[in-house]
Amino acid sequence: LDFDYNGNSPLHIACKYGHKTLSEMFLNAMIEAEPDSLEYLLLKQNSKSNTMGGTALHEATMNGHTDILKSIIQTIKLSPVKEIKKFLDYKCKNNDGQTLLHMACAKGKW
């Protein structure tokens, strides 16, 4: 996968702009990947923070796309692949020290 100049992966962009179908497609591709590929995608690609320290989950939350956030969380929770659970890091902070909960509260979405 390629990243843009801000360090965003395709999953970051899909989450940022509210493209639920694309975000689900990227996530399902991660789940269906071979174990080695999945670990690479999780640890090196989609769970990687952009230049602002935000993950794809931060992007969905910051932009008020709760439907995408819920879909990602539900998909990961239902997945039989244990490695995918690493993708859900609720305590992960961006460069401003904000967690997902901080961002959701600031947006008034929760």
PDB file of N, CA and C in Angstrom:
ATOM      1  N   LEU A   1       0.828  -1.191   0.000  1.00  0.00           N
ATOM      2  CA  LEU A   1       0.000   0.000   0.000  1.00  0.00           C
ATOM      3  C   LEU A   1       0.865   1.244   0.000  1.00  0.00           C
ATOM      4  N   ASP A   2       0.334   2.251  -0.623  1.00  0.00           N
ATOM      5  CA  ASP A   2       1.023   3.534  -0.634  1.00  0.00           C
ATOM      6  C   ASP A   2       0.391   4.477   0.372  1.00  0.00           C
ATOM      7  N   PHE A   3       1.151   5.464   0.763  1.00  0.00           N
ATOM      8  CA  PHE A   3       0.679   6.492   1.679  1.00  0.00           C
ATOM      9  C   PHE A   3       0.741   7.838   0.976  1.00  0.00           C
ATOM     10  N   ASP A   4      -0.136   8.756   1.360  1.00  0.00           N
ATOM     11  CA  ASP A   4      -0.045  10.102   0.806  1.00  0.00           C
ATOM     12  C   ASP A   4       1.017  10.897   1.563  1.00  0.00           C
ATOM     13  N   TYR A   5       1.192  12.158   1.209  1.00  0.00           N
ATOM     14  CA  TYR A   5       2.244  12.980   1.814  1.00  0.00           C
ATOM     15  C   TYR A   5       2.032  13.238   3.301  1.00  0.00           C
ATOM     16  N   ASN A   6       0.819  12.963   3.812  1.00  0.00           N
ATOM     17  CA  ASN A   6       0.547  13.106   5.244  1.00  0.00           C
ATOM     18  C   ASN A   6       0.632  11.780   5.990  1.00  0.00           C
ATOM     19  N   GLY A   7       1.052  10.731   5.280  1.00  0.00           N
ATOM     20  CA  GLY A   7       1.186   9.430   5.914  1.00  0.00           C
ATOM     21  C   GLY A   7      -0.108   8.655   6.026  1.00  0.00           C
ATOM     22  N   ASN A   8      -1.133   9.052   5.268  1.00  0.00           N
ATOM     23  CA  ASN A   8      -2.424   8.368   5.311  1.00  0.00           C
ATOM     24  C   ASN A   8      -2.447   7.174   4.370  1.00  0.00           C
ATOM     25  N   SER A   9      -2.926   6.045   4.872  1.00  0.00           N
ATOM     26  CA  SER A   9      -3.130   4.860   4.047  1.00  0.00           C
ATOM     27  C   SER A   9      -4.497   4.989   3.370  1.00  0.00           C
ATOM     28  N   PRO A  10      -4.812   4.112   2.419  1.00  0.00           N
ATOM     29  CA  PRO A  10      -6.150   4.139   1.831  1.00  0.00           C
ATOM     30  C   PRO A  10      -7.262   3.984   2.880  1.00  0.00           C
ATOM     31  N   LEU A  11      -7.008   3.202   3.932  1.00  0.00           N
ATOM     32  CA  LEU A  11      -8.023   3.053   4.977  1.00  0.00           C
ATOM     33  C   LEU A  11      -8.208   4.365   5.738  1.00  0.00           C
ATOM     34  N   HIS A  12      -7.130   5.091   6.004  1.00  0.00           N
ATOM     35  CA  HIS A  12      -7.245   6.409   6.636  1.00  0.00           C
ATOM     36  C   HIS A  12      -8.172   7.311   5.809  1.00  0.00           C
ATOM     37  N   ILE A  13      -7.925   7.362   4.505  1.00  0.00           N
ATOM     38  CA  ILE A  13      -8.689   8.250   3.616  1.00  0.00           C
ATOM     39  C   ILE A  13     -10.152   7.835   3.567  1.00  0.00           C
ATOM     40  N   ALA A  14     -10.411   6.539   3.443  1.00  0.00           N
ATOM     41  CA  ALA A  14     -11.798   6.055   3.407  1.00  0.00           C
ATOM     42  C   ALA A  14     -12.529   6.425   4.692  1.00  0.00           C
ATOM     43  N   CYS A  15     -11.873   6.282   5.822  1.00  0.00           N
ATOM     44  CA  CYS A  15     -12.488   6.628   7.110  1.00  0.00           C
ATOM     45  C   CYS A  15     -12.687   8.137   7.247  1.00  0.00           C
ATOM     46  N   LYS A  16     -11.728   8.900   6.798  1.00  0.00           N
ATOM     47  CA  LYS A  16     -11.804  10.362   6.910  1.00  0.00           C
ATOM     48  C   LYS A  16     -12.982  10.934   6.133  1.00  0.00           C
ATOM     49  N   TYR A  17     -13.203  10.421   4.928  1.00  0.00           N
ATOM     50  CA  TYR A  17     -14.232  10.990   4.059  1.00  0.00           C
ATOM     51  C   TYR A  17     -15.556  10.236   4.076  1.00  0.00           C
ATOM     52  N   GLY A  18     -15.691   9.286   4.981  1.00  0.00           N
ATOM     53  CA  GLY A  18     -16.974   8.627   5.172  1.00  0.00           C
ATOM     54  C   GLY A  18     -17.330   7.562   4.158  1.00  0.00           C
ATOM     55  N   HIS A  19     -16.339   6.950   3.550  1.00  0.00           N
ATOM     56  CA  HIS A  19     -16.588   5.899   2.565  1.00  0.00           C
ATOM     57  C   HIS A  19     -16.663   4.542   3.269  1.00  0.00           C
ATOM     58  N   LYS A  20     -17.839   4.256   3.790  1.00  0.00           N
ATOM     59  CA  LYS A  20     -18.039   3.043   4.587  1.00  0.00           C
ATOM     60  C   LYS A  20     -17.747   1.779   3.788  1.00  0.00           C
ATOM     61  N   THR A  21     -18.245   1.712   2.556  1.00  0.00           N
ATOM     62  CA  THR A  21     -18.044   0.516   1.739  1.00  0.00           C
ATOM     63  C   THR A  21     -16.560   0.263   1.491  1.00  0.00           C
ATOM     64  N   LEU A  22     -15.816   1.313   1.175  1.00  0.00           N
ATOM     65  CA  LEU A  22     -14.373   1.153   0.954  1.00  0.00           C
ATOM     66  C   LEU A  22     -13.650   0.745   2.228  1.00  0.00           C
ATOM     67  N   SER A  23     -14.014   1.363   3.349  1.00  0.00           N
ATOM     68  CA  SER A  23     -13.341   1.006   4.605  1.00  0.00           C
ATOM     69  C   SER A  23     -13.601  -0.455   4.947  1.00  0.00           C
ATOM     70  N   GLU A  24     -14.825  -0.920   4.718  1.00  0.00           N
ATOM     71  CA  GLU A  24     -15.142  -2.330   4.970  1.00  0.00           C
ATOM     72  C   GLU A  24     -14.376  -3.236   4.018  1.00  0.00           C
ATOM     73  N   MET A  25     -14.236  -2.804   2.763  1.00  0.00           N
ATOM     74  CA  MET A  25     -13.504  -3.597   1.786  1.00  0.00           C
ATOM     75  C   MET A  25     -12.037  -3.741   2.200  1.00  0.00           C
ATOM     76  N   PHE A  26     -11.407  -2.636   2.595  1.00  0.00           N
ATOM     77  CA  PHE A  26     -10.007  -2.699   3.038  1.00  0.00           C
ATOM     78  C   PHE A  26      -9.864  -3.592   4.268  1.00  0.00           C
ATOM     79  N   LEU A  27     -10.778  -3.446   5.210  1.00  0.00           N
ATOM     80  CA  LEU A  27     -10.711  -4.230   6.438  1.00  0.00           C
ATOM     81  C   LEU A  27     -10.924  -5.716   6.156  1.00  0.00           C
ATOM     82  N   ASN A  28     -11.896  -6.048   5.319  1.00  0.00           N
ATOM     83  CA  ASN A  28     -12.138  -7.455   4.982  1.00  0.00           C
ATOM     84  C   ASN A  28     -10.957  -8.057   4.233  1.00  0.00           C
ATOM     85  N   ALA A  29     -10.296  -7.259   3.406  1.00  0.00           N
ATOM     86  CA  ALA A  29      -9.098  -7.749   2.718  1.00  0.00           C
ATOM     87  C   ALA A  29      -8.008  -8.076   3.732  1.00  0.00           C
ATOM     88  N   MET A  30      -7.914  -7.271   4.783  1.00  0.00           N
ATOM     89  CA  MET A  30      -6.941  -7.549   5.840  1.00  0.00           C
ATOM     90  C   MET A  30      -7.270  -8.862   6.543  1.00  0.00           C
ATOM     91  N   ILE A  31      -8.547  -9.076   6.827  1.00  0.00           N
ATOM     92  CA  ILE A  31      -8.970 -10.282   7.541  1.00  0.00           C
ATOM     93  C   ILE A  31      -8.736 -11.531   6.700  1.00  0.00           C
ATOM     94  N   GLU A  32      -8.960 -11.420   5.390  1.00  0.00           N
ATOM     95  CA  GLU A  32      -8.826 -12.572   4.500  1.00  0.00           C
ATOM     96  C   GLU A  32      -7.380 -12.838   4.078  1.00  0.00           C
ATOM     97  N   ALA A  33      -6.475 -11.958   4.425  1.00  0.00           N
ATOM     98  CA  ALA A  33      -5.074 -12.103   4.023  1.00  0.00           C
ATOM     99  C   ALA A  33      -4.420 -13.288   4.723  1.00  0.00           C
ATOM    100  N   GLU A  34      -3.346 -13.732   4.148  1.00  0.00           N
ATOM    101  CA  GLU A  34      -2.537 -14.759   4.789  1.00  0.00           C
ATOM    102  C   GLU A  34      -2.003 -14.192   6.109  1.00  0.00           C
ATOM    103  N   PRO A  35      -1.736 -15.038   7.102  1.00  0.00           N
ATOM    104  CA  PRO A  35      -1.254 -14.535   8.396  1.00  0.00           C
ATOM    105  C   PRO A  35      -0.059 -13.591   8.300  1.00  0.00           C
ATOM    106  N   ASP A  36       0.922 -13.918   7.473  1.00  0.00           N
ATOM    107  CA  ASP A  36       2.088 -13.042   7.341  1.00  0.00           C
ATOM    108  C   ASP A  36       1.701 -11.707   6.726  1.00  0.00           C
ATOM    109  N   SER A  37       0.837 -11.748   5.727  1.00  0.00           N
ATOM    110  CA  SER A  37       0.374 -10.518   5.086  1.00  0.00           C
ATOM    111  C   SER A  37      -0.449  -9.696   6.051  1.00  0.00           C
ATOM    112  N   LEU A  38      -1.286 -10.368   6.830  1.00  0.00           N
ATOM    113  CA  LEU A  38      -2.133  -9.669   7.792  1.00  0.00           C
ATOM    114  C   LEU A  38      -1.287  -8.942   8.822  1.00  0.00           C
ATOM    115  N   GLU A  39      -0.286  -9.626   9.344  1.00  0.00           N
ATOM    116  CA  GLU A  39       0.575  -8.989  10.337  1.00  0.00           C
ATOM    117  C   GLU A  39       1.266  -7.771   9.731  1.00  0.00           C
ATOM    118  N   TYR A  40       1.717  -7.897   8.488  1.00  0.00           N
ATOM    119  CA  TYR A  40       2.361  -6.767   7.820  1.00  0.00           C
ATOM    120  C   TYR A  40       1.382  -5.605   7.665  1.00  0.00           C
ATOM    121  N   LEU A  41       0.178  -5.908   7.208  1.00  0.00           N
ATOM    122  CA  LEU A  41      -0.821  -4.853   7.019  1.00  0.00           C
ATOM    123  C   LEU A  41      -1.161  -4.163   8.326  1.00  0.00           C
ATOM    124  N   LEU A  42      -1.303  -4.937   9.375  1.00  0.00           N
ATOM    125  CA  LEU A  42      -1.674  -4.360  10.666  1.00  0.00           C
ATOM    126  C   LEU A  42      -0.554  -3.539  11.278  1.00  0.00           C
ATOM    127  N   LEU A  43       0.618  -4.106  11.303  1.00  0.00           N
ATOM    128  CA  LEU A  43       1.711  -3.467  12.023  1.00  0.00           C
ATOM    129  C   LEU A  43       2.441  -2.413  11.203  1.00  0.00           C
ATOM    130  N   LYS A  44       2.472  -2.581   9.900  1.00  0.00           N
ATOM    131  CA  LYS A  44       3.254  -1.662   9.074  1.00  0.00           C
ATOM    132  C   LYS A  44       2.391  -0.698   8.261  1.00  0.00           C
ATOM    133  N   GLN A  45       1.155  -1.045   8.022  1.00  0.00           N
ATOM    134  CA  GLN A  45       0.353  -0.247   7.111  1.00  0.00           C
ATOM    135  C   GLN A  45      -0.826   0.423   7.796  1.00  0.00           C
ATOM    136  N   ASN A  46      -1.966  -0.264   7.876  1.00  0.00           N
ATOM    137  CA  ASN A  46      -3.210   0.385   8.268  1.00  0.00           C
ATOM    138  C   ASN A  46      -3.297   0.821   9.721  1.00  0.00           C
ATOM    139  N   SER A  47      -2.566   0.194  10.613  1.00  0.00           N
ATOM    140  CA  SER A  47      -2.628   0.660  11.994  1.00  0.00           C
ATOM    141  C   SER A  47      -1.592   1.747  12.246  1.00  0.00           C
ATOM    142  N   LYS A  48      -0.786   2.012  11.250  1.00  0.00           N
ATOM    143  CA  LYS A  48       0.237   3.050  11.375  1.00  0.00           C
ATOM    144  C   LYS A  48      -0.425   4.422  11.470  1.00  0.00           C
ATOM    145  N   SER A  49       0.145   5.255  12.272  1.00  0.00           N
ATOM    146  CA  SER A  49      -0.355   6.615  12.418  1.00  0.00           C
ATOM    147  C   SER A  49       0.116   7.477  11.259  1.00  0.00           C
ATOM    148  N   ASN A  50      -0.698   8.471  10.924  1.00  0.00           N
ATOM    149  CA  ASN A  50      -0.278   9.438   9.919  1.00  0.00           C
ATOM    150  C   ASN A  50       0.640  10.470  10.574  1.00  0.00           C
ATOM    151  N   THR A  51       0.996  11.526   9.859  1.00  0.00           N
ATOM    152  CA  THR A  51       1.939  12.507  10.401  1.00  0.00           C
ATOM    153  C   THR A  51       1.380  13.266  11.599  1.00  0.00           C
ATOM    154  N   MET A  52       0.067  13.234  11.794  1.00  0.00           N
ATOM    155  CA  MET A  52      -0.562  13.874  12.947  1.00  0.00           C
ATOM    156  C   MET A  52      -0.737  12.891  14.105  1.00  0.00           C
ATOM    157  N   GLY A  53      -0.278  11.641  13.900  1.00  0.00           N
ATOM    158  CA  GLY A  53      -0.396  10.632  14.942  1.00  0.00           C
ATOM    159  C   GLY A  53      -1.742   9.940  14.957  1.00  0.00           C
ATOM    160  N   GLY A  54      -2.566  10.206  13.956  1.00  0.00           N
ATOM    161  CA  GLY A  54      -3.903   9.621  13.912  1.00  0.00           C
ATOM    162  C   GLY A  54      -3.958   8.307  13.162  1.00  0.00           C
ATOM    163  N   THR A  55      -4.719   7.375  13.704  1.00  0.00           N
ATOM    164  CA  THR A  55      -4.974   6.107  13.028  1.00  0.00           C
ATOM    165  C   THR A  55      -6.240   6.256  12.190  1.00  0.00           C
ATOM    166  N   ALA A  56      -6.591   5.224  11.446  1.00  0.00           N
ATOM    167  CA  ALA A  56      -7.835   5.246  10.674  1.00  0.00           C
ATOM    168  C   ALA A  56      -9.036   5.429  11.607  1.00  0.00           C
ATOM    169  N   LEU A  57      -8.965   4.843  12.800  1.00  0.00           N
ATOM    170  CA  LEU A  57     -10.052   5.012  13.766  1.00  0.00           C
ATOM    171  C   LEU A  57     -10.157   6.465  14.224  1.00  0.00           C
ATOM    172  N   HIS A  58      -9.019   7.136  14.393  1.00  0.00           N
ATOM    173  CA  HIS A  58      -9.034   8.561  14.731  1.00  0.00           C
ATOM    174  C   HIS A  58      -9.713   9.363  13.620  1.00  0.00           C
ATOM    175  N   GLU A  59      -9.387   9.039  12.367  1.00  0.00           N
ATOM    176  CA  GLU A  59      -9.959   9.773  11.232  1.00  0.00           C
ATOM    177  C   GLU A  59     -11.477   9.637  11.199  1.00  0.00           C
ATOM    178  N   ALA A  60     -11.974   8.429  11.384  1.00  0.00           N
ATOM    179  CA  ALA A  60     -13.427   8.223  11.379  1.00  0.00           C
ATOM    180  C   ALA A  60     -14.084   8.984  12.525  1.00  0.00           C
ATOM    181  N   THR A  61     -13.476   8.929  13.694  1.00  0.00           N
ATOM    182  CA  THR A  61     -14.034   9.597  14.871  1.00  0.00           C
ATOM    183  C   THR A  61     -13.984  11.111  14.723  1.00  0.00           C
ATOM    184  N   MET A  62     -12.840  11.636  14.310  1.00  0.00           N
ATOM    185  CA  MET A  62     -12.653  13.077  14.191  1.00  0.00           C
ATOM    186  C   MET A  62     -13.624  13.698  13.187  1.00  0.00           C
ATOM    187  N   ASN A  63     -13.981  12.943  12.169  1.00  0.00           N
ATOM    188  CA  ASN A  63     -14.854  13.460  11.130  1.00  0.00           C
ATOM    189  C   ASN A  63     -16.310  13.061  11.321  1.00  0.00           C
ATOM    190  N   GLY A  64     -16.617  12.500  12.484  1.00  0.00           N
ATOM    191  CA  GLY A  64     -18.001  12.207  12.836  1.00  0.00           C
ATOM    192  C   GLY A  64     -18.628  11.035  12.115  1.00  0.00           C
ATOM    193  N   HIS A  65     -17.813  10.144  11.584  1.00  0.00           N
ATOM    194  CA  HIS A  65     -18.334   8.989  10.851  1.00  0.00           C
ATOM    195  C   HIS A  65     -18.505   7.799  11.797  1.00  0.00           C
ATOM    196  N   THR A  66     -19.466   7.935  12.695  1.00  0.00           N
ATOM    197  CA  THR A  66     -19.687   6.896  13.701  1.00  0.00           C
ATOM    198  C   THR A  66     -20.127   5.584  13.070  1.00  0.00           C
ATOM    199  N   ASP A  67     -20.802   5.654  11.917  1.00  0.00           N
ATOM    200  CA  ASP A  67     -21.219   4.423  11.248  1.00  0.00           C
ATOM    201  C   ASP A  67     -20.007   3.606  10.811  1.00  0.00           C
ATOM    202  N   ILE A  68     -18.975   4.278  10.336  1.00  0.00           N
ATOM    203  CA  ILE A  68     -17.750   3.583   9.932  1.00  0.00           C
ATOM    204  C   ILE A  68     -17.032   3.027  11.153  1.00  0.00           C
ATOM    205  N   LEU A  69     -16.938   3.827  12.178  1.00  0.00           N
ATOM    206  CA  LEU A  69     -16.277   3.390  13.410  1.00  0.00           C
ATOM    207  C   LEU A  69     -16.961   2.147  13.975  1.00  0.00           C
ATOM    208  N   LYS A  70     -18.280   2.179  14.047  1.00  0.00           N
ATOM    209  CA  LYS A  70     -19.036   1.026  14.559  1.00  0.00           C
ATOM    210  C   LYS A  70     -18.836  -0.195  13.673  1.00  0.00           C
ATOM    211  N   SER A  71     -18.832   0.014  12.361  1.00  0.00           N
ATOM    212  CA  SER A  71     -18.650  -1.091  11.426  1.00  0.00           C
ATOM    213  C   SER A  71     -17.276  -1.733  11.589  1.00  0.00           C
ATOM    214  N   ILE A  72     -16.248  -0.909  11.711  1.00  0.00           N
ATOM    215  CA  ILE A  72     -14.888  -1.431  11.887  1.00  0.00           C
ATOM    216  C   ILE A  72     -14.783  -2.213  13.190  1.00  0.00           C
ATOM    217  N   ILE A  73     -15.291  -1.642  14.262  1.00  0.00           N
ATOM    218  CA  ILE A  73     -15.225  -2.308  15.566  1.00  0.00           C
ATOM    219  C   ILE A  73     -15.984  -3.632  15.533  1.00  0.00           C
ATOM    220  N   GLN A  74     -17.178  -3.632  14.951  1.00  0.00           N
ATOM    221  CA  GLN A  74     -17.986  -4.853  14.873  1.00  0.00           C
ATOM    222  C   GLN A  74     -17.288  -5.921  14.030  1.00  0.00           C
ATOM    223  N   THR A  75     -16.751  -5.513  12.887  1.00  0.00           N
ATOM    224  CA  THR A  75     -16.065  -6.461  12.006  1.00  0.00           C
ATOM    225  C   THR A  75     -14.873  -7.090  12.709  1.00  0.00           C
ATOM    226  N   ILE A  76     -14.106  -6.282  13.405  1.00  0.00           N
ATOM    227  CA  ILE A  76     -12.927  -6.791  14.102  1.00  0.00           C
ATOM    228  C   ILE A  76     -13.325  -7.709  15.253  1.00  0.00           C
ATOM    229  N   LYS A  77     -14.345  -7.333  16.001  1.00  0.00           N
ATOM    230  CA  LYS A  77     -14.780  -8.171  17.125  1.00  0.00           C
ATOM    231  C   LYS A  77     -15.274  -9.534  16.662  1.00  0.00           C
ATOM    232  N   LEU A  78     -15.909  -9.593  15.494  1.00  0.00           N
ATOM    233  CA  LEU A  78     -16.451 -10.854  14.988  1.00  0.00           C
ATOM    234  C   LEU A  78     -15.419 -11.702  14.256  1.00  0.00           C
ATOM    235  N   SER A  79     -14.278 -11.128  13.963  1.00  0.00           N
ATOM    236  CA  SER A  79     -13.267 -11.846  13.200  1.00  0.00           C
ATOM    237  C   SER A  79     -12.642 -12.967  14.028  1.00  0.00           C
ATOM    238  N   PRO A  80     -12.452 -14.139  13.411  1.00  0.00           N
ATOM    239  CA  PRO A  80     -11.775 -15.232  14.105  1.00  0.00           C
ATOM    240  C   PRO A  80     -10.253 -15.049  14.128  1.00  0.00           C
ATOM    241  N   VAL A  81      -9.755 -14.068  13.398  1.00  0.00           N
ATOM    242  CA  VAL A  81      -8.316 -13.836  13.304  1.00  0.00           C
ATOM    243  C   VAL A  81      -7.863 -13.003  14.499  1.00  0.00           C
ATOM    244  N   LYS A  82      -7.094 -13.624  15.384  1.00  0.00           N
ATOM    245  CA  LYS A  82      -6.671 -12.952  16.619  1.00  0.00           C
ATOM    246  C   LYS A  82      -5.812 -11.720  16.349  1.00  0.00           C
ATOM    247  N   GLU A  83      -4.967 -11.780  15.325  1.00  0.00           N
ATOM    248  CA  GLU A  83      -4.047 -10.681  15.045  1.00  0.00           C
ATOM    249  C   GLU A  83      -4.773  -9.379  14.722  1.00  0.00           C
ATOM    250  N   ILE A  84      -5.989  -9.482  14.180  1.00  0.00           N
ATOM    251  CA  ILE A  84      -6.733  -8.281  13.792  1.00  0.00           C
ATOM    252  C   ILE A  84      -7.146  -7.462  15.015  1.00  0.00           C
ATOM    253  N   LYS A  85      -7.224  -8.117  16.164  1.00  0.00           N
ATOM    254  CA  LYS A  85      -7.622  -7.413  17.392  1.00  0.00           C
ATOM    255  C   LYS A  85      -6.614  -6.315  17.760  1.00  0.00           C
ATOM    256  N   LYS A  86      -5.361  -6.468  17.298  1.00  0.00           N
ATOM    257  CA  LYS A  86      -4.335  -5.461  17.568  1.00  0.00           C
ATOM    258  C   LYS A  86      -4.688  -4.118  16.938  1.00  0.00           C
ATOM    259  N   PHE A  87      -5.536  -4.166  15.918  1.00  0.00           N
ATOM    260  CA  PHE A  87      -5.925  -2.945  15.212  1.00  0.00           C
ATOM    261  C   PHE A  87      -6.746  -2.020  16.100  1.00  0.00           C
ATOM    262  N   LEU A  88      -7.486  -2.602  17.054  1.00  0.00           N
ATOM    263  CA  LEU A  88      -8.318  -1.799  17.953  1.00  0.00           C
ATOM    264  C   LEU A  88      -7.507  -1.368  19.166  1.00  0.00           C
ATOM    265  N   ASP A  89      -7.030  -0.182  19.123  1.00  0.00           N
ATOM    266  CA  ASP A  89      -6.298   0.371  20.260  1.00  0.00           C
ATOM    267  C   ASP A  89      -7.024   1.635  20.684  1.00  0.00           C
ATOM    268  N   TYR A  90      -7.977   1.469  21.588  1.00  0.00           N
ATOM    269  CA  TYR A  90      -8.809   2.583  22.030  1.00  0.00           C
ATOM    270  C   TYR A  90      -8.008   3.652  22.772  1.00  0.00           C
ATOM    271  N   LYS A  91      -6.883   3.266  23.333  1.00  0.00           N
ATOM    272  CA  LYS A  91      -6.091   4.199  24.134  1.00  0.00           C
ATOM    273  C   LYS A  91      -5.027   4.936  23.318  1.00  0.00           C
ATOM    274  N   CYS A  92      -4.909   4.597  22.045  1.00  0.00           N
ATOM    275  CA  CYS A  92      -3.916   5.224  21.183  1.00  0.00           C
ATOM    276  C   CYS A  92      -4.178   6.730  21.098  1.00  0.00           C
ATOM    277  N   LYS A  93      -3.128   7.515  21.290  1.00  0.00           N
ATOM    278  CA  LYS A  93      -3.255   8.978  21.261  1.00  0.00           C
ATOM    279  C   LYS A  93      -2.615   9.545  20.000  1.00  0.00           C
ATOM    280  N   ASN A  94      -3.227  10.604  19.478  1.00  0.00           N
ATOM    281  CA  ASN A  94      -2.617  11.304  18.353  1.00  0.00           C
ATOM    282  C   ASN A  94      -1.561  12.272  18.883  1.00  0.00           C
ATOM    283  N   ASN A  95      -0.992  13.085  18.010  1.00  0.00           N
ATOM    284  CA  ASN A  95       0.076  14.003  18.431  1.00  0.00           C
ATOM    285  C   ASN A  95      -0.401  15.068  19.410  1.00  0.00           C
ATOM    286  N   ASP A  96      -1.710  15.310  19.462  1.00  0.00           N
ATOM    287  CA  ASP A  96      -2.276  16.272  20.411  1.00  0.00           C
ATOM    288  C   ASP A  96      -2.658  15.615  21.730  1.00  0.00           C
ATOM    289  N   GLY A  97      -2.368  14.318  21.860  1.00  0.00           N
ATOM    290  CA  GLY A  97      -2.681  13.596  23.088  1.00  0.00           C
ATOM    291  C   GLY A  97      -4.133  13.169  23.195  1.00  0.00           C
ATOM    292  N   GLN A  98      -4.864  13.203  22.082  1.00  0.00           N
ATOM    293  CA  GLN A  98      -6.280  12.846  22.098  1.00  0.00           C
ATOM    294  C   GLN A  98      -6.493  11.372  21.769  1.00  0.00           C
ATOM    295  N   THR A  99      -7.326  10.732  22.580  1.00  0.00           N
ATOM    296  CA  THR A  99      -7.751   9.360  22.300  1.00  0.00           C
ATOM    297  C   THR A  99      -9.042   9.425  21.484  1.00  0.00           C
ATOM    298  N   LEU A 100      -9.546   8.270  21.094  1.00  0.00           N
ATOM    299  CA  LEU A 100     -10.822   8.221  20.371  1.00  0.00           C
ATOM    300  C   LEU A 100     -11.944   8.816  21.203  1.00  0.00           C
ATOM    301  N   LEU A 101     -11.933   8.551  22.498  1.00  0.00           N
ATOM    302  CA  LEU A 101     -12.980   9.074  23.375  1.00  0.00           C
ATOM    303  C   LEU A 101     -12.927  10.600  23.447  1.00  0.00           C
ATOM    304  N   HIS A 102     -11.725  11.167  23.540  1.00  0.00           N
ATOM    305  CA  HIS A 102     -11.590  12.629  23.539  1.00  0.00           C
ATOM    306  C   HIS A 102     -12.222  13.226  22.283  1.00  0.00           C
ATOM    307  N   MET A 103     -11.900  12.631  21.138  1.00  0.00           N
ATOM    308  CA  MET A 103     -12.395  13.152  19.863  1.00  0.00           C
ATOM    309  C   MET A 103     -13.903  13.003  19.743  1.00  0.00           C
ATOM    310  N   ALA A 104     -14.418  11.863  20.164  1.00  0.00           N
ATOM    311  CA  ALA A 104     -15.863  11.628  20.083  1.00  0.00           C
ATOM    312  C   ALA A 104     -16.619  12.614  20.965  1.00  0.00           C
ATOM    313  N   CYS A 105     -16.113  12.847  22.154  1.00  0.00           N
ATOM    314  CA  CYS A 105     -16.767  13.800  23.063  1.00  0.00           C
ATOM    315  C   CYS A 105     -16.722  15.217  22.500  1.00  0.00           C
ATOM    316  N   ALA A 106     -15.604  15.585  21.900  1.00  0.00           N
ATOM    317  CA  ALA A 106     -15.473  16.921  21.314  1.00  0.00           C
ATOM    318  C   ALA A 106     -16.446  17.121  20.159  1.00  0.00           C
ATOM    319  N   LYS A 107     -16.736  16.050  19.433  1.00  0.00           N
ATOM    320  CA  LYS A 107     -17.673  16.113  18.313  1.00  0.00           C
ATOM    321  C   LYS A 107     -19.121  15.985  18.771  1.00  0.00           C
ATOM    322  N   GLY A 108     -19.324  15.598  20.032  1.00  0.00           N
ATOM    323  CA  GLY A 108     -20.680  15.427  20.540  1.00  0.00           C
ATOM    324  C   GLY A 108     -21.405  14.248  19.930  1.00  0.00           C
ATOM    325  N   LYS A 109     -20.653  13.246  19.520  1.00  0.00           N
ATOM    326  CA  LYS A 109     -21.250  12.085  18.852  1.00  0.00           C
ATOM    327  C   LYS A 109     -21.572  10.945  19.799  1.00  0.00           C
ATOM    328  N   TRP A 110     -21.127  11.010  21.052  1.00  0.00           N
ATOM    329  CA  TRP A 110     -21.338   9.871  21.946  1.00  0.00           C
ATOM    330  C   TRP A 110     -22.037  10.296  23.190  1.00  0.00           C
TER     331      TRP A 110
END
